[in-house]
Amino acid sequence: MTLEFRVPHDVDTDASPTTPRPGVLPPATLRPTPAVAHTDRHRPGLRGLLDRWAARRAADRDRRLVAHVRELGELQRLLTDARGVVERGWVQHAWFTYLDEHGRERTASSAAATEAQGRPLVGACLVGAVVSAAGGPQAVHTQPVQRALDLVWHALAADEGRPVLWTPAPDVRTARVRDLTRWNDAPDRTREQVASLLLTAERVAVHESARVTARRVAASAT
């Protein structure tokens, strides 16, 4: 899979996405909308059954949208933590640099990433930073890591403003991880550019959350 990446990612990494304070939810944004009683909700027969079925579907859809907004907030925080990992130490051609039991600096590739588990981390590549922020190598196959990498790839390769494509096929997701690795390992890449890409991915999460919230508002108005 060959892509031409068009985004330089030279954004000022001191800038931060606009988000609510931790633990403070926007008013009426993340609270499930209670099923609104229809004036003739108790109509008998088939019409009443269809009314109840439609109300249940609307409530289920609302719960899914609320859960998605919450997930995007968690993914944004994960990406913020990953950016902190890169800013403390960044590596190329390996996932991690860590200190072994003798205090010697070692490197671990993706195949040997578990060797860094529980060890003091010196640095990480782009993908490794996301894995580290999620809890380390044992978290590599978890949904938060996979979906955070979806956001990073989208920030790198997709046109600005396009919706994020979630849950791509496994082979597509693997190819995207290779894309991110090649981008990280480019000879002229810098730590600042990697941190900036992660910041862009945070902003993608914010924009996607706003998109989902708008869908929820529109659905509640129908």
N, C-alpha and C. Protein backbone atom coordinates (compact mmCIF):
# COMPACT_ATOMS: atom_id res chain seq x y z
N MET A 1 0.87 -1.19 0.00
CA MET A 1 0.00 0.00 0.00
C MET A 1 0.89 1.23 0.00
N THR A 2 0.83 1.97 -1.05
CA THR A 2 1.70 3.15 -1.17
C THR A 2 0.84 4.40 -1.18
N LEU A 3 1.21 5.34 -0.33
CA LEU A 3 0.47 6.58 -0.23
C LEU A 3 1.42 7.74 -0.33
N GLU A 4 0.91 8.84 -0.86
CA GLU A 4 1.67 10.08 -0.85
C GLU A 4 1.11 10.95 0.26
N PHE A 5 1.88 11.13 1.32
CA PHE A 5 1.41 11.91 2.44
C PHE A 5 1.64 13.38 2.16
N ARG A 6 0.58 14.15 2.31
CA ARG A 6 0.64 15.54 1.88
C ARG A 6 0.78 16.51 3.05
N VAL A 7 0.64 16.02 4.27
CA VAL A 7 0.58 16.93 5.41
C VAL A 7 1.95 17.05 6.06
N PRO A 8 2.53 18.26 6.17
CA PRO A 8 3.88 18.40 6.73
C PRO A 8 3.92 18.25 8.24
N HIS A 9 2.81 18.51 8.94
CA HIS A 9 2.73 18.39 10.40
C HIS A 9 3.80 19.22 11.08
N ASP A 10 3.79 20.50 10.76
CA ASP A 10 4.69 21.42 11.44
C ASP A 10 3.88 22.35 12.34
N VAL A 11 2.76 21.84 12.87
CA VAL A 11 1.89 22.61 13.75
C VAL A 11 2.62 22.89 15.04
N ASP A 12 2.36 24.05 15.64
CA ASP A 12 2.93 24.40 16.93
C ASP A 12 2.41 23.42 17.96
N THR A 13 3.28 22.60 18.51
CA THR A 13 2.84 21.56 19.43
C THR A 13 2.50 22.09 20.80
N ASP A 14 2.66 23.41 21.04
CA ASP A 14 2.19 23.98 22.29
C ASP A 14 0.68 24.19 22.26
N ALA A 15 0.12 24.22 21.04
CA ALA A 15 -1.32 24.40 20.93
C ALA A 15 -2.02 23.13 21.33
N SER A 16 -3.23 23.24 21.87
CA SER A 16 -3.97 22.08 22.32
C SER A 16 -5.37 22.11 21.75
N PRO A 17 -5.96 20.93 21.49
CA PRO A 17 -7.34 20.91 21.04
C PRO A 17 -8.25 21.50 22.10
N THR A 18 -9.35 22.09 21.65
CA THR A 18 -10.31 22.66 22.58
C THR A 18 -11.19 21.55 23.11
N THR A 19 -11.11 21.31 24.43
CA THR A 19 -11.89 20.25 25.05
C THR A 19 -12.40 20.72 26.39
N PRO A 20 -13.47 20.08 26.90
CA PRO A 20 -13.93 20.41 28.24
C PRO A 20 -12.90 20.00 29.28
N ARG A 21 -13.01 20.54 30.48
CA ARG A 21 -12.13 20.14 31.57
C ARG A 21 -12.36 18.68 31.87
N PRO A 22 -11.28 17.93 32.26
CA PRO A 22 -11.45 16.50 32.57
C PRO A 22 -12.55 16.31 33.61
N GLY A 23 -13.43 15.34 33.35
CA GLY A 23 -14.49 15.02 34.28
C GLY A 23 -15.71 15.91 34.16
N VAL A 24 -15.67 16.93 33.32
CA VAL A 24 -16.80 17.83 33.16
C VAL A 24 -17.38 17.63 31.77
N LEU A 25 -18.59 17.14 31.71
CA LEU A 25 -19.23 16.86 30.43
C LEU A 25 -19.99 18.09 29.96
N PRO A 26 -19.98 18.34 28.65
CA PRO A 26 -20.76 19.46 28.13
C PRO A 26 -22.23 19.26 28.48
N PRO A 27 -22.94 20.31 28.81
CA PRO A 27 -24.35 20.16 29.19
C PRO A 27 -25.14 19.45 28.11
N ALA A 28 -25.86 18.42 28.56
CA ALA A 28 -26.78 17.67 27.69
C ALA A 28 -26.10 17.03 26.49
N THR A 29 -24.75 16.92 26.54
CA THR A 29 -24.05 16.33 25.39
C THR A 29 -23.90 14.84 25.54
N LEU A 30 -23.53 14.37 26.74
CA LEU A 30 -23.23 12.96 26.93
C LEU A 30 -24.28 12.25 27.77
N ARG A 31 -25.41 12.87 27.97
CA ARG A 31 -26.46 12.23 28.73
C ARG A 31 -27.46 11.62 27.77
N PRO A 32 -27.72 10.32 27.92
CA PRO A 32 -28.69 9.71 27.01
C PRO A 32 -30.03 10.42 27.07
N THR A 33 -30.62 10.59 25.92
CA THR A 33 -31.92 11.24 25.84
C THR A 33 -33.00 10.25 26.24
N PRO A 34 -33.79 10.57 27.26
CA PRO A 34 -34.85 9.63 27.63
C PRO A 34 -35.87 9.51 26.52
N ALA A 35 -36.45 8.34 26.45
CA ALA A 35 -37.48 8.13 25.43
C ALA A 35 -38.65 9.07 25.71
N VAL A 36 -38.99 9.87 24.70
CA VAL A 36 -40.06 10.84 24.86
C VAL A 36 -41.39 10.16 24.62
N ALA A 37 -42.29 10.33 25.56
CA ALA A 37 -43.60 9.70 25.43
C ALA A 37 -44.39 10.38 24.32
N HIS A 38 -44.88 9.61 23.43
CA HIS A 38 -45.72 10.13 22.35
C HIS A 38 -47.11 10.37 22.90
N THR A 39 -47.81 11.35 22.35
CA THR A 39 -49.13 11.69 22.88
C THR A 39 -50.09 10.50 22.82
N ASP A 40 -49.93 9.66 21.80
CA ASP A 40 -50.80 8.48 21.72
C ASP A 40 -49.95 7.23 21.82
N ARG A 41 -49.03 7.26 22.81
CA ARG A 41 -48.09 6.15 22.99
C ARG A 41 -48.82 4.85 23.27
N HIS A 42 -49.94 4.94 23.94
CA HIS A 42 -50.63 3.74 24.37
C HIS A 42 -51.69 3.29 23.36
N ARG A 43 -51.51 3.70 22.12
CA ARG A 43 -52.46 3.24 21.12
C ARG A 43 -52.45 1.72 21.06
N PRO A 44 -53.60 1.11 20.98
CA PRO A 44 -53.66 -0.36 20.97
C PRO A 44 -53.28 -0.92 19.60
N GLY A 45 -53.06 -2.19 19.59
CA GLY A 45 -52.86 -2.90 18.33
C GLY A 45 -51.52 -2.63 17.68
N LEU A 46 -51.50 -2.80 16.37
CA LEU A 46 -50.27 -2.71 15.60
C LEU A 46 -49.64 -1.32 15.69
N ARG A 47 -50.44 -0.25 15.65
CA ARG A 47 -49.88 1.10 15.71
C ARG A 47 -49.13 1.33 17.02
N GLY A 48 -49.69 0.86 18.13
CA GLY A 48 -49.02 0.99 19.41
C GLY A 48 -47.73 0.19 19.46
N LEU A 49 -47.74 -1.00 18.88
CA LEU A 49 -46.53 -1.83 18.83
C LEU A 49 -45.43 -1.14 18.03
N LEU A 50 -45.79 -0.56 16.90
CA LEU A 50 -44.81 0.14 16.08
C LEU A 50 -44.27 1.37 16.80
N ASP A 51 -45.11 2.07 17.56
CA ASP A 51 -44.65 3.22 18.33
C ASP A 51 -43.59 2.80 19.34
N ARG A 52 -43.85 1.72 20.06
CA ARG A 52 -42.90 1.25 21.08
C ARG A 52 -41.61 0.77 20.45
N TRP A 53 -41.71 0.11 19.32
CA TRP A 53 -40.51 -0.36 18.61
C TRP A 53 -39.66 0.81 18.14
N ALA A 54 -40.31 1.85 17.61
CA ALA A 54 -39.56 3.03 17.16
C ALA A 54 -38.90 3.74 18.33
N ALA A 55 -39.59 3.82 19.47
CA ALA A 55 -39.00 4.47 20.65
C ALA A 55 -37.79 3.71 21.14
N ARG A 56 -37.87 2.37 21.15
CA ARG A 56 -36.71 1.57 21.59
C ARG A 56 -35.54 1.75 20.64
N ARG A 57 -35.81 1.77 19.34
CA ARG A 57 -34.73 1.98 18.37
C ARG A 57 -34.07 3.33 18.56
N ALA A 58 -34.87 4.37 18.78
CA ALA A 58 -34.31 5.71 18.99
C ALA A 58 -33.46 5.76 20.24
N ALA A 59 -33.92 5.10 21.32
CA ALA A 59 -33.15 5.09 22.57
C ALA A 59 -31.84 4.33 22.39
N ASP A 60 -31.86 3.21 21.68
CA ASP A 60 -30.65 2.43 21.43
C ASP A 60 -29.65 3.23 20.60
N ARG A 61 -30.14 3.91 19.58
CA ARG A 61 -29.27 4.73 18.73
C ARG A 61 -28.63 5.85 19.55
N ASP A 62 -29.41 6.45 20.42
CA ASP A 62 -28.89 7.54 21.24
C ASP A 62 -27.80 7.03 22.18
N ARG A 63 -28.01 5.86 22.77
CA ARG A 63 -26.99 5.29 23.67
C ARG A 63 -25.70 5.01 22.92
N ARG A 64 -25.81 4.51 21.68
CA ARG A 64 -24.60 4.24 20.88
C ARG A 64 -23.84 5.53 20.58
N LEU A 65 -24.56 6.59 20.25
CA LEU A 65 -23.90 7.86 19.95
C LEU A 65 -23.23 8.44 21.19
N VAL A 66 -23.90 8.34 22.33
CA VAL A 66 -23.30 8.82 23.58
C VAL A 66 -22.02 8.04 23.89
N ALA A 67 -22.08 6.70 23.73
CA ALA A 67 -20.90 5.88 23.99
C ALA A 67 -19.76 6.24 23.04
N HIS A 68 -20.08 6.56 21.79
CA HIS A 68 -19.05 6.90 20.82
C HIS A 68 -18.37 8.23 21.18
N VAL A 69 -19.16 9.20 21.62
CA VAL A 69 -18.58 10.48 22.04
C VAL A 69 -17.65 10.28 23.24
N ARG A 70 -18.07 9.46 24.18
CA ARG A 70 -17.22 9.18 25.34
C ARG A 70 -15.92 8.49 24.91
N GLU A 71 -16.05 7.53 23.99
CA GLU A 71 -14.86 6.83 23.50
C GLU A 71 -13.89 7.80 22.84
N LEU A 72 -14.41 8.73 22.05
CA LEU A 72 -13.55 9.70 21.38
C LEU A 72 -12.81 10.57 22.41
N GLY A 73 -13.47 10.92 23.51
CA GLY A 73 -12.78 11.65 24.56
C GLY A 73 -11.65 10.85 25.16
N GLU A 74 -11.88 9.54 25.37
CA GLU A 74 -10.83 8.68 25.90
C GLU A 74 -9.68 8.53 24.91
N LEU A 75 -10.01 8.42 23.63
CA LEU A 75 -8.96 8.31 22.61
C LEU A 75 -8.14 9.59 22.53
N GLN A 76 -8.79 10.72 22.67
CA GLN A 76 -8.04 11.97 22.65
C GLN A 76 -7.04 12.02 23.81
N ARG A 77 -7.47 11.59 24.99
CA ARG A 77 -6.56 11.58 26.15
C ARG A 77 -5.41 10.60 25.92
N LEU A 78 -5.71 9.44 25.32
CA LEU A 78 -4.65 8.48 25.01
C LEU A 78 -3.62 9.10 24.07
N LEU A 79 -4.09 9.81 23.05
CA LEU A 79 -3.17 10.44 22.09
C LEU A 79 -2.36 11.56 22.74
N THR A 80 -2.97 12.28 23.68
CA THR A 80 -2.23 13.30 24.42
C THR A 80 -1.10 12.65 25.20
N ASP A 81 -1.39 11.51 25.85
CA ASP A 81 -0.35 10.79 26.59
C ASP A 81 0.73 10.28 25.65
N ALA A 82 0.33 9.80 24.46
CA ALA A 82 1.31 9.32 23.48
C ALA A 82 2.23 10.45 23.04
N ARG A 83 1.65 11.63 22.87
CA ARG A 83 2.48 12.80 22.49
C ARG A 83 3.50 13.09 23.59
N GLY A 84 3.09 12.94 24.85
CA GLY A 84 4.03 13.13 25.94
C GLY A 84 5.17 12.12 25.91
N VAL A 85 4.86 10.87 25.53
CA VAL A 85 5.90 9.85 25.42
C VAL A 85 6.94 10.27 24.38
N VAL A 86 6.46 10.71 23.22
CA VAL A 86 7.37 11.12 22.14
C VAL A 86 8.20 12.33 22.56
N GLU A 87 7.58 13.28 23.23
CA GLU A 87 8.30 14.48 23.64
C GLU A 87 9.39 14.17 24.66
N ARG A 88 9.21 13.10 25.44
CA ARG A 88 10.25 12.70 26.40
C ARG A 88 11.36 11.90 25.74
N GLY A 89 11.03 11.18 24.67
CA GLY A 89 12.05 10.39 23.99
C GLY A 89 11.48 9.72 22.75
N TRP A 90 12.13 9.89 21.63
CA TRP A 90 11.63 9.37 20.36
C TRP A 90 12.71 8.54 19.69
N VAL A 91 12.30 7.44 19.04
CA VAL A 91 13.25 6.55 18.37
C VAL A 91 12.76 6.23 16.97
N GLN A 92 13.68 5.77 16.15
CA GLN A 92 13.38 5.27 14.82
C GLN A 92 13.89 3.84 14.70
N HIS A 93 13.27 3.08 13.78
CA HIS A 93 13.69 1.71 13.47
C HIS A 93 13.56 0.78 14.67
N ALA A 94 12.70 1.09 15.59
CA ALA A 94 12.37 0.24 16.73
C ALA A 94 11.10 0.79 17.34
N TRP A 95 10.40 -0.04 18.13
CA TRP A 95 9.22 0.46 18.81
C TRP A 95 9.59 1.18 20.10
N PHE A 96 10.53 0.58 20.84
CA PHE A 96 10.88 1.13 22.15
C PHE A 96 12.39 1.13 22.36
N THR A 97 12.84 2.08 23.16
CA THR A 97 14.15 2.01 23.79
C THR A 97 13.89 2.01 25.28
N TYR A 98 14.52 1.07 26.00
CA TYR A 98 14.24 0.92 27.43
C TYR A 98 15.52 0.53 28.17
N LEU A 99 15.46 0.57 29.48
CA LEU A 99 16.59 0.16 30.32
C LEU A 99 16.34 -1.25 30.85
N ASP A 100 17.34 -2.14 30.68
CA ASP A 100 17.20 -3.50 31.20
C ASP A 100 17.50 -3.54 32.69
N GLU A 101 17.53 -4.74 33.25
CA GLU A 101 17.72 -4.88 34.70
C GLU A 101 19.08 -4.41 35.17
N HIS A 102 20.03 -4.24 34.24
CA HIS A 102 21.36 -3.74 34.59
C HIS A 102 21.53 -2.25 34.28
N GLY A 103 20.43 -1.60 33.88
CA GLY A 103 20.50 -0.18 33.56
C GLY A 103 21.06 0.11 32.19
N ARG A 104 21.20 -0.92 31.36
CA ARG A 104 21.72 -0.71 30.02
C ARG A 104 20.58 -0.42 29.05
N GLU A 105 20.83 0.45 28.09
CA GLU A 105 19.80 0.84 27.14
C GLU A 105 19.66 -0.23 26.06
N ARG A 106 18.43 -0.67 25.84
CA ARG A 106 18.12 -1.70 24.85
C ARG A 106 17.04 -1.19 23.91
N THR A 107 16.96 -1.78 22.73
CA THR A 107 15.89 -1.47 21.80
C THR A 107 15.02 -2.70 21.60
N ALA A 108 13.75 -2.47 21.32
CA ALA A 108 12.81 -3.56 21.07
C ALA A 108 12.00 -3.24 19.82
N SER A 109 12.02 -4.17 18.88
CA SER A 109 11.20 -4.03 17.68
C SER A 109 9.77 -4.43 18.00
N SER A 110 8.90 -4.35 17.01
CA SER A 110 7.52 -4.76 17.24
C SER A 110 7.45 -6.23 17.62
N ALA A 111 8.31 -7.07 17.02
CA ALA A 111 8.29 -8.49 17.31
C ALA A 111 8.76 -8.81 18.72
N ALA A 112 9.60 -7.92 19.29
CA ALA A 112 10.14 -8.15 20.63
C ALA A 112 9.65 -7.11 21.62
N ALA A 113 8.50 -6.51 21.32
CA ALA A 113 8.01 -5.40 22.15
C ALA A 113 7.78 -5.81 23.59
N THR A 114 7.40 -7.07 23.83
CA THR A 114 7.11 -7.49 25.20
C THR A 114 8.35 -7.43 26.09
N GLU A 115 9.54 -7.39 25.49
CA GLU A 115 10.76 -7.29 26.31
C GLU A 115 10.82 -5.97 27.06
N ALA A 116 10.10 -4.96 26.56
CA ALA A 116 10.10 -3.65 27.21
C ALA A 116 9.03 -3.53 28.29
N GLN A 117 8.16 -4.54 28.40
CA GLN A 117 7.06 -4.44 29.35
C GLN A 117 7.59 -4.31 30.78
N GLY A 118 7.16 -3.28 31.47
CA GLY A 118 7.56 -3.08 32.86
C GLY A 118 8.93 -2.48 33.05
N ARG A 119 9.63 -2.20 31.97
CA ARG A 119 10.97 -1.61 32.05
C ARG A 119 10.88 -0.09 31.93
N PRO A 120 11.83 0.63 32.50
CA PRO A 120 11.85 2.09 32.32
C PRO A 120 11.99 2.45 30.85
N LEU A 121 11.04 3.25 30.36
CA LEU A 121 11.02 3.60 28.94
C LEU A 121 11.90 4.81 28.69
N VAL A 122 12.78 4.69 27.69
CA VAL A 122 13.65 5.80 27.29
C VAL A 122 13.04 6.55 26.12
N GLY A 123 12.48 5.82 25.16
CA GLY A 123 11.89 6.46 23.99
C GLY A 123 10.99 5.48 23.26
N ALA A 124 10.19 6.01 22.33
CA ALA A 124 9.28 5.18 21.54
C ALA A 124 9.08 5.82 20.18
N CYS A 125 8.76 4.99 19.19
CA CYS A 125 8.40 5.51 17.88
C CYS A 125 6.94 5.95 17.92
N LEU A 126 6.41 6.37 16.80
CA LEU A 126 5.03 6.85 16.73
C LEU A 126 4.05 5.78 17.19
N VAL A 127 4.13 4.60 16.59
CA VAL A 127 3.21 3.52 16.97
C VAL A 127 3.49 3.06 18.40
N GLY A 128 4.76 2.92 18.73
CA GLY A 128 5.12 2.49 20.08
C GLY A 128 4.63 3.44 21.15
N ALA A 129 4.61 4.74 20.85
CA ALA A 129 4.13 5.72 21.83
C ALA A 129 2.65 5.51 22.12
N VAL A 130 1.86 5.21 21.08
CA VAL A 130 0.44 4.95 21.30
C VAL A 130 0.26 3.69 22.13
N VAL A 131 1.03 2.65 21.82
CA VAL A 131 0.97 1.40 22.58
C VAL A 131 1.36 1.64 24.03
N SER A 132 2.44 2.39 24.24
CA SER A 132 2.90 2.68 25.60
C SER A 132 1.86 3.46 26.38
N ALA A 133 1.23 4.45 25.75
CA ALA A 133 0.23 5.28 26.43
C ALA A 133 -0.99 4.47 26.82
N ALA A 134 -1.26 3.38 26.09
CA ALA A 134 -2.41 2.54 26.39
C ALA A 134 -2.12 1.49 27.45
N GLY A 135 -0.86 1.41 27.91
CA GLY A 135 -0.53 0.45 28.95
C GLY A 135 0.64 -0.46 28.65
N GLY A 136 1.20 -0.34 27.45
CA GLY A 136 2.37 -1.14 27.12
C GLY A 136 2.07 -2.23 26.12
N PRO A 137 3.07 -3.06 25.81
CA PRO A 137 2.93 -4.06 24.73
C PRO A 137 1.74 -5.00 24.88
N GLN A 138 1.32 -5.28 26.12
CA GLN A 138 0.20 -6.21 26.27
C GLN A 138 -1.10 -5.60 25.77
N ALA A 139 -1.11 -4.29 25.53
CA ALA A 139 -2.33 -3.62 25.06
C ALA A 139 -2.36 -3.43 23.55
N VAL A 140 -1.38 -3.99 22.84
CA VAL A 140 -1.23 -3.66 21.42
C VAL A 140 -2.44 -4.05 20.60
N HIS A 141 -3.14 -5.12 20.97
CA HIS A 141 -4.28 -5.58 20.17
C HIS A 141 -5.62 -5.11 20.73
N THR A 142 -5.60 -4.23 21.71
CA THR A 142 -6.85 -3.76 22.30
C THR A 142 -7.53 -2.74 21.39
N GLN A 143 -8.83 -2.57 21.58
CA GLN A 143 -9.56 -1.61 20.74
C GLN A 143 -9.06 -0.18 20.89
N PRO A 144 -8.75 0.31 22.12
CA PRO A 144 -8.24 1.69 22.21
C PRO A 144 -7.00 1.93 21.36
N VAL A 145 -6.06 0.99 21.36
CA VAL A 145 -4.85 1.16 20.55
C VAL A 145 -5.21 1.16 19.07
N GLN A 146 -6.01 0.21 18.65
CA GLN A 146 -6.34 0.10 17.23
C GLN A 146 -7.09 1.33 16.74
N ARG A 147 -8.03 1.82 17.53
CA ARG A 147 -8.81 2.98 17.09
C ARG A 147 -8.01 4.27 17.21
N ALA A 148 -7.10 4.35 18.18
CA ALA A 148 -6.21 5.52 18.24
C ALA A 148 -5.31 5.56 17.01
N LEU A 149 -4.82 4.40 16.58
CA LEU A 149 -4.00 4.36 15.37
C LEU A 149 -4.83 4.70 14.13
N ASP A 150 -6.12 4.35 14.13
CA ASP A 150 -7.00 4.79 13.04
C ASP A 150 -7.00 6.32 12.96
N LEU A 151 -7.08 6.98 14.11
CA LEU A 151 -7.09 8.44 14.14
C LEU A 151 -5.76 9.01 13.66
N VAL A 152 -4.65 8.39 14.07
CA VAL A 152 -3.33 8.88 13.66
C VAL A 152 -3.17 8.73 12.15
N TRP A 153 -3.55 7.58 11.62
CA TRP A 153 -3.43 7.39 10.17
C TRP A 153 -4.32 8.39 9.43
N HIS A 154 -5.52 8.60 9.92
CA HIS A 154 -6.43 9.56 9.30
C HIS A 154 -5.80 10.96 9.30
N ALA A 155 -5.19 11.34 10.43
CA ALA A 155 -4.54 12.66 10.52
C ALA A 155 -3.42 12.79 9.50
N LEU A 156 -2.75 11.68 9.21
CA LEU A 156 -1.62 11.71 8.29
C LEU A 156 -2.05 11.69 6.83
N ALA A 157 -3.03 10.86 6.49
CA ALA A 157 -3.28 10.55 5.08
C ALA A 157 -4.59 11.04 4.51
N ALA A 158 -5.57 11.33 5.35
CA ALA A 158 -6.89 11.70 4.83
C ALA A 158 -7.01 13.20 4.65
N ASP A 159 -7.89 13.59 3.75
CA ASP A 159 -8.16 15.02 3.55
C ASP A 159 -8.84 15.59 4.79
N GLU A 160 -8.47 16.81 5.13
CA GLU A 160 -9.03 17.46 6.31
C GLU A 160 -10.55 17.58 6.18
N GLY A 161 -11.24 17.25 7.26
CA GLY A 161 -12.70 17.36 7.28
C GLY A 161 -13.43 16.09 6.90
N ARG A 162 -12.72 15.10 6.38
CA ARG A 162 -13.39 13.85 6.03
C ARG A 162 -13.68 13.03 7.27
N PRO A 163 -14.82 12.32 7.32
CA PRO A 163 -15.11 11.46 8.47
C PRO A 163 -14.07 10.35 8.60
N VAL A 164 -13.84 9.91 9.81
CA VAL A 164 -12.89 8.83 10.06
C VAL A 164 -13.50 7.50 9.63
N LEU A 165 -12.72 6.68 8.95
CA LEU A 165 -13.16 5.33 8.59
C LEU A 165 -12.74 4.38 9.71
N TRP A 166 -13.73 3.94 10.48
CA TRP A 166 -13.43 3.06 11.60
C TRP A 166 -13.46 1.60 11.17
N THR A 167 -12.84 0.75 11.98
CA THR A 167 -12.81 -0.70 11.81
C THR A 167 -12.55 -1.14 10.38
N PRO A 168 -11.44 -0.72 9.80
CA PRO A 168 -11.09 -1.24 8.47
C PRO A 168 -10.76 -2.73 8.56
N ALA A 169 -10.69 -3.38 7.42
CA ALA A 169 -10.34 -4.80 7.39
C ALA A 169 -8.96 -5.01 8.01
N PRO A 170 -8.71 -6.19 8.63
CA PRO A 170 -7.43 -6.42 9.30
C PRO A 170 -6.21 -6.17 8.41
N ASP A 171 -6.28 -6.56 7.13
CA ASP A 171 -5.13 -6.34 6.27
C ASP A 171 -4.93 -4.85 5.99
N VAL A 172 -6.02 -4.10 5.91
CA VAL A 172 -5.91 -2.65 5.72
C VAL A 172 -5.29 -2.01 6.94
N ARG A 173 -5.74 -2.43 8.12
CA ARG A 173 -5.20 -1.86 9.35
C ARG A 173 -3.71 -2.18 9.48
N THR A 174 -3.30 -3.39 9.12
CA THR A 174 -1.89 -3.75 9.16
C THR A 174 -1.08 -2.89 8.20
N ALA A 175 -1.62 -2.65 7.01
CA ALA A 175 -0.93 -1.80 6.04
C ALA A 175 -0.80 -0.37 6.56
N ARG A 176 -1.80 0.09 7.28
CA ARG A 176 -1.73 1.44 7.83
C ARG A 176 -0.65 1.56 8.90
N VAL A 177 -0.51 0.53 9.72
CA VAL A 177 0.56 0.54 10.72
C VAL A 177 1.92 0.60 10.03
N ARG A 178 2.05 -0.13 8.91
CA ARG A 178 3.30 -0.06 8.14
C ARG A 178 3.51 1.36 7.60
N ASP A 179 2.43 1.99 7.13
CA ASP A 179 2.54 3.38 6.65
C ASP A 179 3.07 4.29 7.76
N LEU A 180 2.51 4.16 8.94
CA LEU A 180 2.93 5.01 10.07
C LEU A 180 4.38 4.73 10.44
N THR A 181 4.78 3.46 10.37
CA THR A 181 6.16 3.10 10.71
C THR A 181 7.13 3.69 9.69
N ARG A 182 6.78 3.58 8.40
CA ARG A 182 7.67 4.15 7.37
C ARG A 182 7.77 5.67 7.53
N TRP A 183 6.65 6.30 7.82
CA TRP A 183 6.68 7.75 8.02
C TRP A 183 7.57 8.11 9.20
N ASN A 184 7.45 7.38 10.30
CA ASN A 184 8.26 7.65 11.48
C ASN A 184 9.75 7.47 11.18
N ASP A 185 10.08 6.47 10.36
CA ASP A 185 11.48 6.11 10.13
C ASP A 185 12.12 6.84 8.96
N ALA A 186 11.41 7.76 8.33
CA ALA A 186 11.99 8.51 7.22
C ALA A 186 13.25 9.25 7.67
N PRO A 187 14.28 9.30 6.83
CA PRO A 187 15.57 9.88 7.26
C PRO A 187 15.46 11.32 7.75
N ASP A 188 14.55 12.10 7.16
CA ASP A 188 14.46 13.51 7.55
C ASP A 188 13.38 13.78 8.59
N ARG A 189 12.82 12.70 9.19
CA ARG A 189 11.76 12.91 10.18
C ARG A 189 12.35 13.48 11.47
N THR A 190 11.57 14.26 12.18
CA THR A 190 12.01 14.84 13.46
C THR A 190 11.01 14.50 14.54
N ARG A 191 11.47 14.57 15.78
CA ARG A 191 10.59 14.34 16.91
C ARG A 191 9.45 15.35 16.93
N GLU A 192 9.75 16.59 16.57
CA GLU A 192 8.72 17.62 16.57
C GLU A 192 7.60 17.29 15.59
N GLN A 193 7.96 16.75 14.43
CA GLN A 193 6.94 16.38 13.44
C GLN A 193 6.06 15.24 13.95
N VAL A 194 6.68 14.28 14.64
CA VAL A 194 5.91 13.16 15.17
C VAL A 194 4.95 13.65 16.25
N ALA A 195 5.43 14.50 17.15
CA ALA A 195 4.56 15.05 18.19
C ALA A 195 3.44 15.87 17.56
N SER A 196 3.75 16.59 16.49
CA SER A 196 2.74 17.40 15.82
C SER A 196 1.68 16.54 15.16
N LEU A 197 2.07 15.41 14.59
CA LEU A 197 1.09 14.50 14.00
C LEU A 197 0.13 13.99 15.07
N LEU A 198 0.66 13.64 16.23
CA LEU A 198 -0.20 13.18 17.32
C LEU A 198 -1.15 14.28 17.77
N LEU A 199 -0.68 15.52 17.79
CA LEU A 199 -1.56 16.63 18.11
C LEU A 199 -2.67 16.77 17.07
N THR A 200 -2.32 16.60 15.80
CA THR A 200 -3.33 16.64 14.75
C THR A 200 -4.36 15.53 14.95
N ALA A 201 -3.89 14.35 15.35
CA ALA A 201 -4.82 13.24 15.61
C ALA A 201 -5.75 13.57 16.78
N GLU A 202 -5.25 14.26 17.79
CA GLU A 202 -6.12 14.71 18.88
C GLU A 202 -7.22 15.61 18.34
N ARG A 203 -6.85 16.50 17.44
CA ARG A 203 -7.84 17.41 16.87
C ARG A 203 -8.86 16.66 16.01
N VAL A 204 -8.41 15.62 15.32
CA VAL A 204 -9.34 14.78 14.57
C VAL A 204 -10.37 14.18 15.52
N ALA A 205 -9.93 13.72 16.69
CA ALA A 205 -10.86 13.15 17.67
C ALA A 205 -11.88 14.19 18.12
N VAL A 206 -11.42 15.43 18.34
CA VAL A 206 -12.33 16.51 18.75
C VAL A 206 -13.36 16.79 17.66
N HIS A 207 -12.89 16.88 16.42
CA HIS A 207 -13.80 17.17 15.31
C HIS A 207 -14.78 16.02 15.08
N GLU A 208 -14.29 14.79 15.23
CA GLU A 208 -15.18 13.64 15.06
C GLU A 208 -16.24 13.61 16.16
N SER A 209 -15.86 13.98 17.38
CA SER A 209 -16.81 14.06 18.48
C SER A 209 -17.90 15.09 18.18
N ALA A 210 -17.49 16.23 17.63
CA ALA A 210 -18.47 17.26 17.27
C ALA A 210 -19.41 16.75 16.17
N ARG A 211 -18.86 15.98 15.24
CA ARG A 211 -19.69 15.43 14.16
C ARG A 211 -20.74 14.45 14.72
N VAL A 212 -20.30 13.58 15.63
CA VAL A 212 -21.23 12.61 16.22
C VAL A 212 -22.29 13.32 17.06
N THR A 213 -21.86 14.33 17.81
CA THR A 213 -22.82 15.10 18.63
C THR A 213 -23.87 15.78 17.74
N ALA A 214 -23.44 16.31 16.61
CA ALA A 214 -24.39 16.94 15.68
C ALA A 214 -25.38 15.92 15.14
N ARG A 215 -24.92 14.71 14.86
CA ARG A 215 -25.83 13.66 14.42
C ARG A 215 -26.86 13.34 15.49
N ARG A 216 -26.40 13.32 16.74
CA ARG A 216 -27.31 13.03 17.84
C ARG A 216 -28.38 14.12 17.99
N VAL A 217 -27.95 15.36 17.90
CA VAL A 217 -28.89 16.48 18.00
C VAL A 217 -29.92 16.40 16.87
N ALA A 218 -29.43 16.12 15.65
CA ALA A 218 -30.33 16.03 14.51
C ALA A 218 -31.33 14.89 14.68
N ALA A 219 -30.85 13.76 15.22
CA ALA A 219 -31.73 12.61 15.41
C ALA A 219 -32.80 12.90 16.47
N SER A 220 -32.41 13.61 17.50
CA SER A 220 -33.37 13.91 18.57
C SER A 220 -34.43 14.90 18.12
N ALA A 221 -34.13 15.64 17.05
CA ALA A 221 -35.08 16.64 16.57
C ALA A 221 -36.12 16.05 15.63
N THR A 222 -35.91 14.80 15.21
CA THR A 222 -36.85 14.19 14.27
C THR A 222 -37.96 13.48 15.00
